[in-house]
PDB file of N, CA and C in Angstrom:
ATOM      1  N   MET A   1       3.137  12.335 -10.794  1.00  0.00           N
ATOM      2  CA  MET A   1       3.572  11.891  -9.592  1.00  0.00           C
ATOM      3  C   MET A   1       3.064  11.035  -8.712  1.00  0.00           C
ATOM      4  N   SER A   2       3.639   9.598  -8.428  1.00  0.00           N
ATOM      5  CA  SER A   2       2.121   9.137  -7.832  1.00  0.00           C
ATOM      6  C   SER A   2       2.393   8.637  -6.598  1.00  0.00           C
ATOM      7  N   ARG A   3       0.586   8.827  -5.130  1.00  0.00           N
ATOM      8  CA  ARG A   3       1.512   8.996  -4.283  1.00  0.00           C
ATOM      9  C   ARG A   3       2.429   9.305  -2.662  1.00  0.00           C
ATOM     10  N   PHE A   4       3.216   8.424  -4.088  1.00  0.00           N
ATOM     11  CA  PHE A   4       4.489   7.499  -3.169  1.00  0.00           C
ATOM     12  C   PHE A   4       5.999   8.281  -2.801  1.00  0.00           C
ATOM     13  N   LYS A   5       5.697   8.659  -4.143  1.00  0.00           N
ATOM     14  CA  LYS A   5       6.424  10.124  -4.165  1.00  0.00           C
ATOM     15  C   LYS A   5       6.343  11.424  -4.219  1.00  0.00           C
ATOM     16  N   ILE A   6       4.317  11.570  -3.953  1.00  0.00           N
ATOM     17  CA  ILE A   6       4.304  12.944  -3.021  1.00  0.00           C
ATOM     18  C   ILE A   6       4.268  12.596  -1.824  1.00  0.00           C
ATOM     19  N   GLY A   7       4.210  11.089  -0.862  1.00  0.00           N
ATOM     20  CA  GLY A   7       4.433  10.914  -0.055  1.00  0.00           C
ATOM     21  C   GLY A   7       5.477  11.210   0.251  1.00  0.00           C
ATOM     22  N   ASN A   8       6.807  11.117   0.103  1.00  0.00           N
ATOM     23  CA  ASN A   8       8.449  10.852  -0.346  1.00  0.00           C
ATOM     24  C   ASN A   8       8.520  13.069   0.454  1.00  0.00           C
ATOM     25  N   ARG A   9       7.883  13.086  -0.904  1.00  0.00           N
ATOM     26  CA  ARG A   9       8.349  15.419  -1.369  1.00  0.00           C
ATOM     27  C   ARG A   9       7.468  15.058   0.562  1.00  0.00           C
ATOM     28  N   ILE A  10       6.515  15.425   1.034  1.00  0.00           N
ATOM     29  CA  ILE A  10       6.054  15.813   1.770  1.00  0.00           C
ATOM     30  C   ILE A  10       6.746  15.351   2.664  1.00  0.00           C
ATOM     31  N   GLU A  11       7.589  14.527   3.325  1.00  0.00           N
ATOM     32  CA  GLU A  11       8.777  13.613   4.539  1.00  0.00           C
ATOM     33  C   GLU A  11       9.689  14.399   4.011  1.00  0.00           C
ATOM     34  N   ASP A  12      10.678  14.226   2.829  1.00  0.00           N
ATOM     35  CA  ASP A  12      11.306  15.236   2.760  1.00  0.00           C
ATOM     36  C   ASP A  12      11.189  16.429   3.471  1.00  0.00           C
ATOM     37  N   ALA A  13      10.028  17.491   2.662  1.00  0.00           N
ATOM     38  CA  ALA A  13      10.578  18.325   3.057  1.00  0.00           C
ATOM     39  C   ALA A  13      10.094  18.779   4.523  1.00  0.00           C
ATOM     40  N   ILE A  14       9.545  18.332   5.344  1.00  0.00           N
ATOM     41  CA  ILE A  14       9.726  18.384   6.954  1.00  0.00           C
ATOM     42  C   ILE A  14      11.086  17.584   7.399  1.00  0.00           C
ATOM     43  N   LYS A  15      11.355  16.348   6.999  1.00  0.00           N
ATOM     44  CA  LYS A  15      12.970  16.641   7.603  1.00  0.00           C
ATOM     45  C   LYS A  15      14.137  17.220   7.344  1.00  0.00           C
ATOM     46  N   HIS A  16      13.949  17.746   5.458  1.00  0.00           N
ATOM     47  CA  HIS A  16      14.604  19.141   5.948  1.00  0.00           C
ATOM     48  C   HIS A  16      14.190  21.030   5.718  1.00  0.00           C
ATOM     49  N   LYS A  17      13.331  20.970   6.088  1.00  0.00           N
ATOM     50  CA  LYS A  17      12.580  22.147   6.959  1.00  0.00           C
ATOM     51  C   LYS A  17      13.194  23.043   5.389  1.00  0.00           C
ATOM     52  N   ASN A  18      12.943  22.670   4.130  1.00  0.00           N
ATOM     53  CA  ASN A  18      13.057  23.178   2.972  1.00  0.00           C
ATOM     54  C   ASN A  18      11.597  24.200   3.007  1.00  0.00           C
ATOM     55  N   ARG A  19      12.149  25.231   3.094  1.00  0.00           N
ATOM     56  CA  ARG A  19      10.392  26.439   3.775  1.00  0.00           C
ATOM     57  C   ARG A  19       9.236  26.625   1.691  1.00  0.00           C
ATOM     58  N   ARG A  20      10.486  26.493   1.074  1.00  0.00           N
ATOM     59  CA  ARG A  20       9.762  26.293  -0.506  1.00  0.00           C
ATOM     60  C   ARG A  20       8.641  24.639  -0.536  1.00  0.00           C
ATOM     61  N   GLU A  21       9.257  23.916  -0.398  1.00  0.00           N
ATOM     62  CA  GLU A  21       8.644  22.726  -0.352  1.00  0.00           C
ATOM     63  C   GLU A  21       7.501  22.507   0.641  1.00  0.00           C
ATOM     64  N   LEU A  22       8.147  23.240   1.583  1.00  0.00           N
ATOM     65  CA  LEU A  22       6.518  23.128   3.302  1.00  0.00           C
ATOM     66  C   LEU A  22       5.707  23.658   2.967  1.00  0.00           C
ATOM     67  N   GLU A  23       5.577  24.952   2.190  1.00  0.00           N
ATOM     68  CA  GLU A  23       4.318  25.433   1.853  1.00  0.00           C
ATOM     69  C   GLU A  23       3.850  25.057   0.242  1.00  0.00           C
ATOM     70  N   TRP A  24       4.326  24.615  -0.367  1.00  0.00           N
ATOM     71  CA  TRP A  24       3.907  23.354  -1.751  1.00  0.00           C
ATOM     72  C   TRP A  24       3.137  22.004  -0.646  1.00  0.00           C
ATOM     73  N   ALA A  25       4.112  21.762   0.742  1.00  0.00           N
ATOM     74  CA  ALA A  25       2.510  20.208   0.490  1.00  0.00           C
ATOM     75  C   ALA A  25       2.511  20.715   1.274  1.00  0.00           C
ATOM     76  N   LEU A  26       1.966  22.020   2.266  1.00  0.00           N
ATOM     77  CA  LEU A  26       0.786  22.496   3.352  1.00  0.00           C
ATOM     78  C   LEU A  26      -0.374  22.454   2.179  1.00  0.00           C
ATOM     79  N   GLU A  27      -0.264  23.459   1.015  1.00  0.00           N
ATOM     80  CA  GLU A  27      -0.774  23.891  -0.565  1.00  0.00           C
ATOM     81  C   GLU A  27      -2.114  22.221  -0.339  1.00  0.00           C
ATOM     82  N   TYR A  28      -0.899  21.384  -0.997  1.00  0.00           N
ATOM     83  CA  TYR A  28      -1.310  20.421  -1.524  1.00  0.00           C
ATOM     84  C   TYR A  28      -1.654  19.096   0.242  1.00  0.00           C
ATOM     85  N   ALA A  29      -1.300  18.862   0.690  1.00  0.00           N
ATOM     86  CA  ALA A  29      -2.122  18.308   2.078  1.00  0.00           C
ATOM     87  C   ALA A  29      -4.190  19.293   1.857  1.00  0.00           C
ATOM     88  N   GLN A  30      -3.371  20.270   2.401  1.00  0.00           N
ATOM     89  CA  GLN A  30      -4.667  21.137   3.094  1.00  0.00           C
ATOM     90  C   GLN A  30      -6.009  20.365   1.472  1.00  0.00           C
ATOM     91  N   ASP A  31      -5.669  20.981   0.258  1.00  0.00           N
ATOM     92  CA  ASP A  31      -6.400  20.590  -0.948  1.00  0.00           C
ATOM     93  C   ASP A  31      -7.175  18.387  -0.791  1.00  0.00           C
ATOM     94  N   ARG A  32      -5.932  18.398  -0.154  1.00  0.00           N
ATOM     95  CA  ARG A  32      -6.544  16.610   0.055  1.00  0.00           C
ATOM     96  C   ARG A  32      -7.645  16.687   0.972  1.00  0.00           C
ATOM     97  N   PHE A  33      -7.186  16.436   2.094  1.00  0.00           N
ATOM     98  CA  PHE A  33      -7.501  16.947   3.779  1.00  0.00           C
ATOM     99  C   PHE A  33      -8.644  17.413   2.602  1.00  0.00           C
ATOM    100  N   LYS A  34      -9.138  19.069   2.049  1.00  0.00           N
ATOM    101  CA  LYS A  34     -10.882  18.652   1.859  1.00  0.00           C
ATOM    102  C   LYS A  34     -11.786  18.219   0.516  1.00  0.00           C
ATOM    103  N   THR A  35     -10.676  16.885   0.050  1.00  0.00           N
ATOM    104  CA  THR A  35     -11.482  16.285  -0.685  1.00  0.00           C
ATOM    105  C   THR A  35     -11.667  14.575  -0.453  1.00  0.00           C
ATOM    106  N   ALA A  36     -11.197  15.297   0.840  1.00  0.00           N
ATOM    107  CA  ALA A  36     -11.458  13.389   1.346  1.00  0.00           C
ATOM    108  C   ALA A  36     -12.557  12.660   1.486  1.00  0.00           C
ATOM    109  N   ALA A  37     -12.743  11.653   1.056  1.00  0.00           N
ATOM    110  CA  ALA A  37     -14.577  10.799   1.240  1.00  0.00           C
ATOM    111  C   ALA A  37     -14.172   9.314   2.172  1.00  0.00           C
ATOM    112  N   MET A  38     -13.443   9.596   3.046  1.00  0.00           N
ATOM    113  CA  MET A  38     -13.723   9.132   4.270  1.00  0.00           C
ATOM    114  C   MET A  38     -13.142   9.608   4.958  1.00  0.00           C
ATOM    115  N   LYS A  39     -13.586   9.560   6.611  1.00  0.00           N
ATOM    116  CA  LYS A  39     -13.076   9.537   8.170  1.00  0.00           C
ATOM    117  C   LYS A  39     -11.974   9.578   8.314  1.00  0.00           C
ATOM    118  N   GLN A  40     -11.467   8.526   7.935  1.00  0.00           N
ATOM    119  CA  GLN A  40     -10.210   7.502   8.227  1.00  0.00           C
ATOM    120  C   GLN A  40      -8.797   8.151   7.521  1.00  0.00           C
ATOM    121  N   HIS A  41      -9.070   8.792   5.287  1.00  0.00           N
ATOM    122  CA  HIS A  41      -8.675   9.855   5.012  1.00  0.00           C
ATOM    123  C   HIS A  41      -8.300  10.914   4.861  1.00  0.00           C
ATOM    124  N   GLU A  42      -9.894  11.723   6.381  1.00  0.00           N
ATOM    125  CA  GLU A  42      -9.402  13.049   7.008  1.00  0.00           C
ATOM    126  C   GLU A  42      -8.351  12.832   8.133  1.00  0.00           C
ATOM    127  N   LYS A  43      -9.046  12.222   8.638  1.00  0.00           N
ATOM    128  CA  LYS A  43      -7.863  11.744  10.117  1.00  0.00           C
ATOM    129  C   LYS A  43      -6.154  12.624   9.244  1.00  0.00           C
ATOM    130  N   SER A  44      -5.594  11.191   8.334  1.00  0.00           N
ATOM    131  CA  SER A  44      -5.037  11.053   8.074  1.00  0.00           C
ATOM    132  C   SER A  44      -4.193  12.775   7.600  1.00  0.00           C
ATOM    133  N   TRP A  45      -5.271  13.353   6.583  1.00  0.00           N
ATOM    134  CA  TRP A  45      -4.312  13.985   5.806  1.00  0.00           C
ATOM    135  C   TRP A  45      -4.399  15.756   6.991  1.00  0.00           C
ATOM    136  N   ARG A  46      -5.139  15.532   8.276  1.00  0.00           N
ATOM    137  CA  ARG A  46      -5.338  16.072   9.056  1.00  0.00           C
ATOM    138  C   ARG A  46      -4.325  16.771   9.599  1.00  0.00           C
ATOM    139  N   LEU A  47      -3.579  15.046  10.323  1.00  0.00           N
ATOM    140  CA  LEU A  47      -2.111  15.234  11.050  1.00  0.00           C
ATOM    141  C   LEU A  47      -0.663  15.513  10.071  1.00  0.00           C
ATOM    142  N   ILE A  48      -0.850  14.817   8.770  1.00  0.00           N
ATOM    143  CA  ILE A  48       0.166  15.632   7.753  1.00  0.00           C
ATOM    144  C   ILE A  48       0.145  16.852   8.158  1.00  0.00           C
ATOM    145  N   VAL A  49      -0.794  17.701   7.924  1.00  0.00           N
ATOM    146  CA  VAL A  49      -1.261  19.581   7.936  1.00  0.00           C
ATOM    147  C   VAL A  49      -0.642  19.693   9.381  1.00  0.00           C
ATOM    148  N   LYS A  50      -1.089  19.433  10.231  1.00  0.00           N
ATOM    149  CA  LYS A  50      -0.270  19.729  11.237  1.00  0.00           C
ATOM    150  C   LYS A  50       0.947  19.676  11.825  1.00  0.00           C
ATOM    151  N   ARG A  51       1.767  18.454  10.742  1.00  0.00           N
ATOM    152  CA  ARG A  51       3.031  18.105  10.978  1.00  0.00           C
ATOM    153  C   ARG A  51       3.779  19.833   9.746  1.00  0.00           C
ATOM    154  N   ILE A  52       3.138  19.776   8.837  1.00  0.00           N
ATOM    155  CA  ILE A  52       4.074  20.860   8.458  1.00  0.00           C
ATOM    156  C   ILE A  52       3.863  22.175   8.775  1.00  0.00           C
ATOM    157  N   LYS A  53       2.694  22.424   9.227  1.00  0.00           N
ATOM    158  CA  LYS A  53       2.019  24.005  10.118  1.00  0.00           C
ATOM    159  C   LYS A  53       3.332  23.408  11.012  1.00  0.00           C
ATOM    160  N   GLU A  54       3.790  22.522  12.033  1.00  0.00           N
ATOM    161  CA  GLU A  54       4.836  22.886  13.263  1.00  0.00           C
ATOM    162  C   GLU A  54       6.263  23.119  12.705  1.00  0.00           C
ATOM    163  N   ALA A  55       7.100  21.711  11.433  1.00  0.00           N
ATOM    164  CA  ALA A  55       7.882  22.130  10.897  1.00  0.00           C
ATOM    165  C   ALA A  55       7.567  23.248  10.794  1.00  0.00           C
ATOM    166  N   LEU A  56       6.971  24.516   9.842  1.00  0.00           N
ATOM    167  CA  LEU A  56       6.748  25.837   8.665  1.00  0.00           C
ATOM    168  C   LEU A  56       6.827  26.399  10.504  1.00  0.00           C
ATOM    169  N   ASP A  57       6.905  26.450  11.453  1.00  0.00           N
ATOM    170  CA  ASP A  57       6.327  27.427  12.402  1.00  0.00           C
ATOM    171  C   ASP A  57       8.156  27.451  12.800  1.00  0.00           C
ATOM    172  N   ALA A  58       8.964  25.952  12.969  1.00  0.00           N
ATOM    173  CA  ALA A  58       9.837  25.956  13.977  1.00  0.00           C
ATOM    174  C   ALA A  58      11.330  26.619  13.092  1.00  0.00           C
ATOM    175  N   LEU A  59      10.651  27.351  11.675  1.00  0.00           N
ATOM    176  CA  LEU A  59      11.703  27.845  10.925  1.00  0.00           C
ATOM    177  C   LEU A  59      11.352  29.189  11.684  1.00  0.00           C
ATOM    178  N   PRO A  60      12.667  29.710  11.047  1.00  0.00           N
ATOM    179  CA  PRO A  60      12.607  31.779  11.460  1.00  0.00           C
ATOM    180  C   PRO A  60      12.457  32.171  11.467  1.00  0.00           C
ATOM    181  N   SER A  61      11.624  32.817  10.931  1.00  0.00           N
ATOM    182  CA  SER A  61      11.227  34.186   9.955  1.00  0.00           C
ATOM    183  C   SER A  61      11.914  34.572   8.899  1.00  0.00           C
ATOM    184  N   GLU A  62      11.123  34.684   8.045  1.00  0.00           N
ATOM    185  CA  GLU A  62      11.645  35.826   6.400  1.00  0.00           C
ATOM    186  C   GLU A  62      11.475  36.648   6.789  1.00  0.00           C
ATOM    187  N   ASN A  63      12.643  37.484   6.586  1.00  0.00           N
ATOM    188  CA  ASN A  63      12.953  39.350   6.231  1.00  0.00           C
ATOM    189  C   ASN A  63      12.845  38.972   5.285  1.00  0.00           C
ATOM    190  N   THR A  64      11.949  39.787   4.105  1.00  0.00           N
ATOM    191  CA  THR A  64      11.745  40.918   3.275  1.00  0.00           C
ATOM    192  C   THR A  64      10.546  42.045   3.224  1.00  0.00           C
TER     193      THR A  64
END
């Protein structure tokens, strides 16, 4: 999957507040943040992780 498709998938997860996709996006973004080689990339991925966490926090809790 290209980086553009992945970026769109992450944005769609945030926009549509899909829990499963947000959880995937969070894991992916955290992995990318850990492996970022440049400070600029770390900053970008840190902001994406923050947006995903905010979207997840805004979802109602699951009763399992």
